[in-house]
Amino acid sequence: MKKVATAKAPAAIGPYVQGMIVNNMFYSSGQIPLTADGVMVEGDITAQTNQVFENLKAVLAEAGSSLDQVVKTTVFMADMNDFAEMNEAYATHFGDHKPARSAVEVARLPKDSQVEIEVIALVK
């Protein structure tokens, strides 16, 4: 197992790492809409989803992967009524690539964010 950490995404705020590589697979920790400096992005679900993807791109790059190598995502949302807006932002980051996905509403997310996303991806 190899730990993945980059200063281009927010540091872990607990006893975990940004991601792990096992064999040729990358498993990310959930990313919330914090900037790399640890500042929460204010605004609607679209703004927060876009920041989450900036974080995911950074940890994927550090792992030697990218969004086009993602095989599975899990999306956690504070309010499923925001699904359409989240889904629209999500789609802009993946384009024609469509990994498997689960999306669930949860009671609460870290730092009261509106969205958290984790990915599993191939490593080249």
Protein backbone atom coordinates (compact mmCIF):
# COMPACT_ATOMS: atom_id res chain seq x y z
CA MET A 1 0.00 0.00 0.00
CA LYS A 2 1.17 3.51 -0.81
CA LYS A 3 -0.17 6.67 0.82
CA VAL A 4 -1.13 9.57 -1.43
CA ALA A 5 -0.84 13.15 -0.20
CA THR A 6 -0.63 16.47 -1.99
CA ALA A 7 -0.57 20.08 -0.86
CA LYS A 8 -2.81 20.88 -3.86
CA ALA A 9 -5.83 19.52 -1.97
CA PRO A 10 -6.93 20.10 1.63
CA ALA A 11 -4.99 18.16 4.24
CA ALA A 12 -6.75 15.35 6.04
CA ILE A 13 -8.60 16.69 9.08
CA GLY A 14 -8.42 13.43 11.00
CA PRO A 15 -6.48 10.17 11.31
CA TYR A 16 -6.58 9.28 7.59
CA VAL A 17 -4.81 10.10 4.31
CA GLN A 18 -6.09 11.74 1.13
CA GLY A 19 -5.87 8.40 -0.63
CA MET A 20 -4.23 5.01 -0.93
CA ILE A 21 -2.89 3.03 -3.87
CA VAL A 22 -3.18 -0.73 -3.65
CA ASN A 23 -1.81 -2.64 -6.65
CA ASN A 24 -3.07 -0.58 -9.60
CA MET A 25 -6.12 0.93 -7.86
CA PHE A 26 -6.46 4.30 -6.15
CA TYR A 27 -8.98 4.77 -3.33
CA SER A 28 -9.64 8.36 -2.30
CA SER A 29 -10.86 9.62 1.00
CA GLY A 30 -14.02 11.67 0.67
CA GLN A 31 -13.34 15.20 -0.51
CA ILE A 32 -15.41 18.10 0.74
CA PRO A 33 -15.39 21.66 -0.67
CA LEU A 34 -12.36 22.96 1.18
CA THR A 35 -9.66 24.80 -0.72
CA ALA A 36 -6.11 23.51 -0.48
CA ASP A 37 -5.65 26.12 2.29
CA GLY A 38 -8.50 24.58 4.27
CA VAL A 39 -11.08 27.30 3.61
CA MET A 40 -14.67 26.16 3.02
CA VAL A 41 -16.08 27.26 -0.33
CA GLU A 42 -19.27 29.18 0.32
CA GLY A 43 -22.15 29.14 -2.09
CA ASP A 44 -24.54 26.70 -3.64
CA ILE A 45 -24.17 23.00 -4.37
CA THR A 46 -22.69 23.78 -7.80
CA ALA A 47 -19.83 25.86 -6.35
CA GLN A 48 -19.18 23.23 -3.69
CA THR A 49 -19.27 20.33 -6.17
CA ASN A 50 -16.81 22.14 -8.45
CA GLN A 51 -14.36 22.60 -5.55
CA VAL A 52 -14.70 18.93 -4.61
CA PHE A 53 -13.70 18.03 -8.17
CA GLU A 54 -10.66 20.33 -8.02
CA ASN A 55 -9.59 18.42 -4.91
CA LEU A 56 -10.26 15.05 -6.54
CA LYS A 57 -8.25 16.04 -9.63
CA ALA A 58 -5.32 17.01 -7.39
CA VAL A 59 -5.22 13.76 -5.43
CA LEU A 60 -5.79 11.70 -8.58
CA ALA A 61 -2.87 13.46 -10.29
CA GLU A 62 -0.65 12.82 -7.27
CA ALA A 63 -1.64 9.14 -7.49
CA GLY A 64 -0.75 9.01 -11.20
CA SER A 65 -4.37 8.85 -12.31
CA SER A 66 -7.13 11.16 -13.54
CA LEU A 67 -10.89 11.52 -13.77
CA ASP A 68 -10.94 9.48 -16.98
CA GLN A 69 -9.56 6.53 -15.00
CA VAL A 70 -12.27 6.65 -12.30
CA VAL A 71 -14.31 3.45 -12.16
CA LYS A 72 -16.62 4.27 -9.22
CA THR A 73 -17.76 7.32 -7.31
CA THR A 74 -19.79 7.74 -4.17
CA VAL A 75 -21.57 11.06 -3.68
CA PHE A 76 -22.81 12.04 -0.23
CA MET A 77 -25.24 14.96 -0.12
CA ALA A 78 -26.80 16.89 2.74
CA ASP A 79 -29.98 17.44 0.73
CA MET A 80 -31.14 15.22 -2.12
CA ASN A 81 -33.20 18.18 -3.39
CA ASP A 82 -29.85 19.51 -4.67
CA PHE A 83 -29.29 16.39 -6.79
CA ALA A 84 -30.05 17.96 -10.21
CA GLU A 85 -27.61 20.84 -9.67
CA MET A 86 -24.91 18.54 -8.26
CA ASN A 87 -25.44 16.13 -11.16
CA GLU A 88 -25.04 18.91 -13.73
CA ALA A 89 -21.74 20.06 -12.20
CA TYR A 90 -20.60 16.42 -11.83
CA ALA A 91 -21.29 15.75 -15.52
CA THR A 92 -19.16 18.71 -16.65
CA HIS A 93 -16.11 17.21 -14.95
CA PHE A 94 -16.52 13.71 -16.38
CA GLY A 95 -17.70 14.63 -19.88
CA ASP A 96 -18.31 11.46 -21.90
CA HIS A 97 -16.72 9.23 -19.24
CA LYS A 98 -19.41 7.79 -16.99
CA PRO A 99 -18.09 5.79 -14.04
CA ALA A 100 -20.37 3.72 -11.81
CA ARG A 101 -21.88 5.88 -9.07
CA SER A 102 -23.86 5.81 -5.86
CA ALA A 103 -25.50 8.96 -4.49
CA VAL A 104 -27.00 9.14 -1.03
CA GLU A 105 -28.43 11.77 1.30
CA VAL A 106 -26.86 11.82 4.74
CA ALA A 107 -27.83 13.54 7.97
CA ARG A 108 -24.68 15.66 8.13
CA LEU A 109 -21.29 16.03 6.45
CA PRO A 110 -17.94 17.22 7.84
CA LYS A 111 -17.79 20.99 8.40
CA ASP A 112 -21.47 21.12 7.38
CA SER A 113 -20.57 20.92 3.70
CA GLN A 114 -23.34 20.22 1.20
CA VAL A 115 -21.46 17.50 -0.69
CA GLU A 116 -18.66 14.96 -0.28
CA ILE A 117 -17.35 12.70 -3.04
CA GLU A 118 -14.96 9.75 -3.01
CA VAL A 119 -13.56 7.86 -5.99
CA ILE A 120 -11.93 4.58 -6.94
CA ALA A 121 -9.68 4.81 -9.99
CA LEU A 122 -7.16 2.87 -12.02
CA VAL A 123 -3.53 3.97 -11.73
CA LYS A 124 -1.58 3.99 -14.99
